[in-house]
Amino acid sequence: MRHIALIIILLLVSCNNNSIKKNSIKSSDISTSPDEISGKKVYVNPADGKTYESENEWKTYSPQNKKIDTGNVKIKQIILLTNQNEISNRISVERLTEFIEKTEVIVKESMTKSHKKGELLVQITLSNYKAPKVNISAKDDVDGEKVSSIYYKIEKLKNYTTQKDSVTFQTHYTIN
């Protein structure tokens, strides 16, 4: 049920297979921005510098009912960098949803009073043996001190591990 709630609340972007392949790819199939990932086959990730490729193409899932948010920090989309078919074998959807909600609170509390505008791409890797690994990419005029506080607060959420392997996702925020 919470999985459905997550889809209703958020815009999700995922791929069927994100392995890196050495095929000939047209430049029109490549995205270097989370804003342009839907319909592309290759995503050059600004948060970790890695290249992720889908066998088909990245798909965008729109929420049924958009959550009304009047604050200055909003989730634009979530990008699943782990094959969506493998996620439930690694961590329960309920547990992942709970973790995403906690990180959303951290980002919103940290950035709400910011008078600077921009975007944040918060990438998190959950694994079965250590604290979350966090990479943050900022665009435009974002307060660096507040971004650093986000990084350390998310790393302290140590009770969220996978059953095996890892799960990586990004949350794309706008700050107005």
C-alpha atoms as a PDB file:
ATOM      1  CA  MET A   1       0.000   0.000   0.000  1.00  0.00           C
ATOM      2  CA  ARG A   2       2.759   2.484   0.842  1.00  0.00           C
ATOM      3  CA  HIS A   3       4.314   1.719  -2.543  1.00  0.00           C
ATOM      4  CA  ILE A   4       1.151   2.974  -4.194  1.00  0.00           C
ATOM      5  CA  ALA A   5       1.178   6.010  -1.921  1.00  0.00           C
ATOM      6  CA  LEU A   6       4.757   6.770  -2.920  1.00  0.00           C
ATOM      7  CA  ILE A   7       3.840   6.673  -6.604  1.00  0.00           C
ATOM      8  CA  ILE A   8       0.823   8.878  -5.977  1.00  0.00           C
ATOM      9  CA  ILE A   9       2.863  11.432  -4.059  1.00  0.00           C
ATOM     10  CA  LEU A  10       6.027  11.536  -6.167  1.00  0.00           C
ATOM     11  CA  LEU A  11       7.152  11.572  -9.758  1.00  0.00           C
ATOM     12  CA  LEU A  12       9.241   8.459 -10.280  1.00  0.00           C
ATOM     13  CA  VAL A  13      11.745   7.801 -13.000  1.00  0.00           C
ATOM     14  CA  SER A  14      13.213   4.364 -13.424  1.00  0.00           C
ATOM     15  CA  CYS A  15      14.706   1.967 -15.886  1.00  0.00           C
ATOM     16  CA  ASN A  16      14.309  -1.730 -16.569  1.00  0.00           C
ATOM     17  CA  ASN A  17      18.037  -2.355 -16.620  1.00  0.00           C
ATOM     18  CA  ASN A  18      20.726   0.125 -15.714  1.00  0.00           C
ATOM     19  CA  SER A  19      23.833  -1.816 -16.632  1.00  0.00           C
ATOM     20  CA  ILE A  20      26.499   0.022 -18.571  1.00  0.00           C
ATOM     21  CA  LYS A  21      26.854  -1.295 -22.116  1.00  0.00           C
ATOM     22  CA  LYS A  22      29.352  -0.455 -24.819  1.00  0.00           C
ATOM     23  CA  ASN A  23      26.911  -0.122 -27.739  1.00  0.00           C
ATOM     24  CA  SER A  24      26.850   2.663 -30.256  1.00  0.00           C
ATOM     25  CA  ILE A  25      24.492   5.231 -28.773  1.00  0.00           C
ATOM     26  CA  LYS A  26      23.123   8.266 -30.564  1.00  0.00           C
ATOM     27  CA  SER A  27      23.649  11.579 -28.803  1.00  0.00           C
ATOM     28  CA  SER A  28      19.870  12.084 -28.854  1.00  0.00           C
ATOM     29  CA  ASP A  29      19.575   9.021 -26.547  1.00  0.00           C
ATOM     30  CA  ILE A  30      21.819  10.542 -23.847  1.00  0.00           C
ATOM     31  CA  SER A  31      20.733  12.732 -20.946  1.00  0.00           C
ATOM     32  CA  THR A  32      23.089  14.594 -18.639  1.00  0.00           C
ATOM     33  CA  SER A  33      20.215  16.187 -16.747  1.00  0.00           C
ATOM     34  CA  PRO A  34      17.562  14.582 -14.551  1.00  0.00           C
ATOM     35  CA  ASP A  35      15.061  16.952 -16.210  1.00  0.00           C
ATOM     36  CA  GLU A  36      15.592  15.287 -19.592  1.00  0.00           C
ATOM     37  CA  ILE A  37      15.974  11.629 -18.611  1.00  0.00           C
ATOM     38  CA  SER A  38      12.530  10.359 -19.637  1.00  0.00           C
ATOM     39  CA  GLY A  39      12.597   8.618 -23.006  1.00  0.00           C
ATOM     40  CA  LYS A  40      16.403   8.451 -23.125  1.00  0.00           C
ATOM     41  CA  LYS A  41      18.516   5.297 -23.019  1.00  0.00           C
ATOM     42  CA  VAL A  42      21.610   6.674 -21.288  1.00  0.00           C
ATOM     43  CA  TYR A  43      21.878   8.866 -18.180  1.00  0.00           C
ATOM     44  CA  VAL A  44      25.198  10.523 -17.379  1.00  0.00           C
ATOM     45  CA  ASN A  45      24.720  11.125 -13.693  1.00  0.00           C
ATOM     46  CA  PRO A  46      25.843  14.549 -12.413  1.00  0.00           C
ATOM     47  CA  ALA A  47      25.921  13.331  -8.782  1.00  0.00           C
ATOM     48  CA  ASP A  48      28.420  10.472  -9.144  1.00  0.00           C
ATOM     49  CA  GLY A  49      29.752  10.921 -12.692  1.00  0.00           C
ATOM     50  CA  LYS A  50      28.740   7.376 -13.683  1.00  0.00           C
ATOM     51  CA  THR A  51      26.849   6.409 -16.814  1.00  0.00           C
ATOM     52  CA  TYR A  52      23.653   4.364 -16.488  1.00  0.00           C
ATOM     53  CA  GLU A  53      22.027   2.687 -19.480  1.00  0.00           C
ATOM     54  CA  SER A  54      18.599   1.158 -19.874  1.00  0.00           C
ATOM     55  CA  GLU A  55      17.912  -1.699 -22.300  1.00  0.00           C
ATOM     56  CA  ASN A  56      14.839   0.159 -23.479  1.00  0.00           C
ATOM     57  CA  GLU A  57      14.550   3.691 -22.166  1.00  0.00           C
ATOM     58  CA  TRP A  58      14.045   5.506 -18.904  1.00  0.00           C
ATOM     59  CA  LYS A  59      10.364   5.897 -18.110  1.00  0.00           C
ATOM     60  CA  THR A  60       8.564   8.588 -16.155  1.00  0.00           C
ATOM     61  CA  TYR A  61       5.707   7.670 -13.880  1.00  0.00           C
ATOM     62  CA  SER A  62       3.375  10.546 -13.068  1.00  0.00           C
ATOM     63  CA  PRO A  63       1.499  10.616  -9.787  1.00  0.00           C
ATOM     64  CA  GLN A  64      -2.256  10.031  -9.845  1.00  0.00           C
ATOM     65  CA  ASN A  65      -2.830  12.837  -7.349  1.00  0.00           C
ATOM     66  CA  LYS A  66      -0.147  15.417  -6.786  1.00  0.00           C
ATOM     67  CA  LYS A  67       0.607  16.309  -3.201  1.00  0.00           C
ATOM     68  CA  ILE A  68      -0.025  19.993  -2.610  1.00  0.00           C
ATOM     69  CA  ASP A  69       3.132  21.535  -1.260  1.00  0.00           C
ATOM     70  CA  THR A  70       3.284  25.241  -0.547  1.00  0.00           C
ATOM     71  CA  GLY A  71       6.860  25.319   0.760  1.00  0.00           C
ATOM     72  CA  ASN A  72       9.892  26.581  -1.124  1.00  0.00           C
ATOM     73  CA  VAL A  73      11.516  23.100  -1.288  1.00  0.00           C
ATOM     74  CA  LYS A  74       9.760  20.579  -3.523  1.00  0.00           C
ATOM     75  CA  ILE A  75      10.533  17.112  -4.846  1.00  0.00           C
ATOM     76  CA  LYS A  76      10.605  17.266  -8.612  1.00  0.00           C
ATOM     77  CA  GLN A  77      11.210  13.549  -9.193  1.00  0.00           C
ATOM     78  CA  ILE A  78      12.832  10.407  -7.888  1.00  0.00           C
ATOM     79  CA  ILE A  79      15.197   8.496 -10.140  1.00  0.00           C
ATOM     80  CA  LEU A  80      15.758   4.815  -9.379  1.00  0.00           C
ATOM     81  CA  LEU A  81      19.284   3.873 -10.454  1.00  0.00           C
ATOM     82  CA  THR A  82      18.807   0.279  -9.364  1.00  0.00           C
ATOM     83  CA  ASN A  83      16.699  -1.938 -11.584  1.00  0.00           C
ATOM     84  CA  GLN A  84      13.175  -1.502 -10.254  1.00  0.00           C
ATOM     85  CA  ASN A  85      12.527  -5.252 -10.518  1.00  0.00           C
ATOM     86  CA  GLU A  86      15.401  -5.928  -8.091  1.00  0.00           C
ATOM     87  CA  ILE A  87      14.606  -3.329  -5.438  1.00  0.00           C
ATOM     88  CA  SER A  88      11.958  -5.360  -3.581  1.00  0.00           C
ATOM     89  CA  ASN A  89      14.429  -8.274  -3.308  1.00  0.00           C
ATOM     90  CA  ARG A  90      16.909  -5.979  -1.567  1.00  0.00           C
ATOM     91  CA  ILE A  91      14.729  -3.800   0.673  1.00  0.00           C
ATOM     92  CA  SER A  92      11.020  -3.696   1.364  1.00  0.00           C
ATOM     93  CA  VAL A  93       9.166  -1.009  -0.530  1.00  0.00           C
ATOM     94  CA  GLU A  94       7.700   0.179   2.773  1.00  0.00           C
ATOM     95  CA  ARG A  95      11.178   0.576   4.298  1.00  0.00           C
ATOM     96  CA  LEU A  96      12.499   2.400   1.223  1.00  0.00           C
ATOM     97  CA  THR A  97       9.463   4.696   1.258  1.00  0.00           C
ATOM     98  CA  GLU A  98      10.036   5.432   4.947  1.00  0.00           C
ATOM     99  CA  PHE A  99      13.684   6.271   4.254  1.00  0.00           C
ATOM    100  CA  ILE A 100      12.795   8.569   1.335  1.00  0.00           C
ATOM    101  CA  GLU A 101      10.244  10.372   3.517  1.00  0.00           C
ATOM    102  CA  LYS A 102      12.860  10.889   6.269  1.00  0.00           C
ATOM    103  CA  THR A 103      15.376  12.282   3.789  1.00  0.00           C
ATOM    104  CA  GLU A 104      12.700  14.591   2.388  1.00  0.00           C
ATOM    105  CA  VAL A 105      12.121  15.991   5.887  1.00  0.00           C
ATOM    106  CA  ILE A 106      15.879  16.526   6.336  1.00  0.00           C
ATOM    107  CA  VAL A 107      16.212  18.371   3.020  1.00  0.00           C
ATOM    108  CA  LYS A 108      13.124  20.505   3.606  1.00  0.00           C
ATOM    109  CA  GLU A 109      14.107  21.421   7.172  1.00  0.00           C
ATOM    110  CA  SER A 110      17.637  22.279   6.058  1.00  0.00           C
ATOM    111  CA  MET A 111      16.703  24.341   3.003  1.00  0.00           C
ATOM    112  CA  THR A 112      13.326  25.909   3.909  1.00  0.00           C
ATOM    113  CA  LYS A 113      14.754  29.166   5.281  1.00  0.00           C
ATOM    114  CA  SER A 114      17.206  29.533   2.412  1.00  0.00           C
ATOM    115  CA  HIS A 115      16.763  32.681   0.379  1.00  0.00           C
ATOM    116  CA  LYS A 116      18.792  31.203  -2.458  1.00  0.00           C
ATOM    117  CA  LYS A 117      17.194  29.429  -5.407  1.00  0.00           C
ATOM    118  CA  GLY A 118      18.388  26.355  -7.232  1.00  0.00           C
ATOM    119  CA  GLU A 119      18.177  22.604  -7.501  1.00  0.00           C
ATOM    120  CA  LEU A 120      19.583  19.708  -5.523  1.00  0.00           C
ATOM    121  CA  LEU A 121      20.152  16.187  -6.738  1.00  0.00           C
ATOM    122  CA  VAL A 122      20.557  13.986  -3.654  1.00  0.00           C
ATOM    123  CA  GLN A 123      21.859  10.525  -4.507  1.00  0.00           C
ATOM    124  CA  ILE A 124      21.737   7.817  -1.869  1.00  0.00           C
ATOM    125  CA  THR A 125      23.053   4.267  -1.925  1.00  0.00           C
ATOM    126  CA  LEU A 126      21.721   1.927   0.724  1.00  0.00           C
ATOM    127  CA  SER A 127      23.756  -1.228   1.294  1.00  0.00           C
ATOM    128  CA  ASN A 128      23.597  -4.263   3.535  1.00  0.00           C
ATOM    129  CA  TYR A 129      26.643  -3.437   5.620  1.00  0.00           C
ATOM    130  CA  LYS A 130      27.092   0.293   6.216  1.00  0.00           C
ATOM    131  CA  ALA A 131      25.490   3.701   6.608  1.00  0.00           C
ATOM    132  CA  PRO A 132      23.915   5.333   3.554  1.00  0.00           C
ATOM    133  CA  LYS A 133      26.370   6.701   1.014  1.00  0.00           C
ATOM    134  CA  VAL A 134      25.352  10.235  -0.002  1.00  0.00           C
ATOM    135  CA  ASN A 135      26.352  12.310  -3.049  1.00  0.00           C
ATOM    136  CA  ILE A 136      24.818  15.726  -3.600  1.00  0.00           C
ATOM    137  CA  SER A 137      24.950  17.795  -6.761  1.00  0.00           C
ATOM    138  CA  ALA A 138      23.758  21.417  -6.631  1.00  0.00           C
ATOM    139  CA  LYS A 139      22.706  23.673  -9.484  1.00  0.00           C
ATOM    140  CA  ASP A 140      22.461  27.470  -9.413  1.00  0.00           C
ATOM    141  CA  ASP A 141      22.745  29.460  -6.169  1.00  0.00           C
ATOM    142  CA  VAL A 142      22.363  26.885  -3.379  1.00  0.00           C
ATOM    143  CA  ASP A 143      23.699  27.471   0.152  1.00  0.00           C
ATOM    144  CA  GLY A 144      26.741  25.178   0.530  1.00  0.00           C
ATOM    145  CA  GLU A 145      26.593  25.096   4.335  1.00  0.00           C
ATOM    146  CA  LYS A 146      23.005  23.866   4.269  1.00  0.00           C
ATOM    147  CA  VAL A 147      23.903  21.243   1.659  1.00  0.00           C
ATOM    148  CA  SER A 148      26.703  19.965   3.917  1.00  0.00           C
ATOM    149  CA  SER A 149      24.275  19.637   6.827  1.00  0.00           C
ATOM    150  CA  ILE A 150      21.957  17.531   4.631  1.00  0.00           C
ATOM    151  CA  TYR A 151      24.830  15.208   3.780  1.00  0.00           C
ATOM    152  CA  TYR A 152      25.729  14.551   7.426  1.00  0.00           C
ATOM    153  CA  LYS A 153      22.141  14.201   8.653  1.00  0.00           C
ATOM    154  CA  ILE A 154      21.297  11.588   6.013  1.00  0.00           C
ATOM    155  CA  GLU A 155      24.474   9.632   6.776  1.00  0.00           C
ATOM    156  CA  LYS A 156      23.273   9.344  10.406  1.00  0.00           C
ATOM    157  CA  LEU A 157      20.200   7.342   9.303  1.00  0.00           C
ATOM    158  CA  LYS A 158      22.081   4.086   9.861  1.00  0.00           C
ATOM    159  CA  ASN A 159      19.130   1.765  10.504  1.00  0.00           C
ATOM    160  CA  TYR A 160      18.250   1.587   6.821  1.00  0.00           C
ATOM    161  CA  THR A 161      20.137  -1.238   5.191  1.00  0.00           C
ATOM    162  CA  THR A 162      19.347  -3.640   2.398  1.00  0.00           C
ATOM    163  CA  GLN A 163      18.975  -7.393   2.788  1.00  0.00           C
ATOM    164  CA  LYS A 164      21.599  -7.936   0.082  1.00  0.00           C
ATOM    165  CA  ASP A 165      23.464  -5.903  -2.514  1.00  0.00           C
ATOM    166  CA  SER A 166      22.620  -2.203  -2.724  1.00  0.00           C
ATOM    167  CA  VAL A 167      19.870   0.156  -3.853  1.00  0.00           C
ATOM    168  CA  THR A 168      20.713   3.526  -5.373  1.00  0.00           C
ATOM    169  CA  PHE A 169      18.283   6.330  -6.088  1.00  0.00           C
ATOM    170  CA  GLN A 170      18.225  10.093  -6.498  1.00  0.00           C
ATOM    171  CA  THR A 171      15.756  12.659  -5.261  1.00  0.00           C
ATOM    172  CA  HIS A 172      15.638  15.816  -7.382  1.00  0.00           C
ATOM    173  CA  TYR A 173      14.564  18.926  -5.441  1.00  0.00           C
ATOM    174  CA  THR A 174      13.782  22.471  -6.511  1.00  0.00           C
ATOM    175  CA  ILE A 175      14.364  25.356  -4.099  1.00  0.00           C
ATOM    176  CA  ASN A 176      12.459  28.571  -4.809  1.00  0.00           C
END
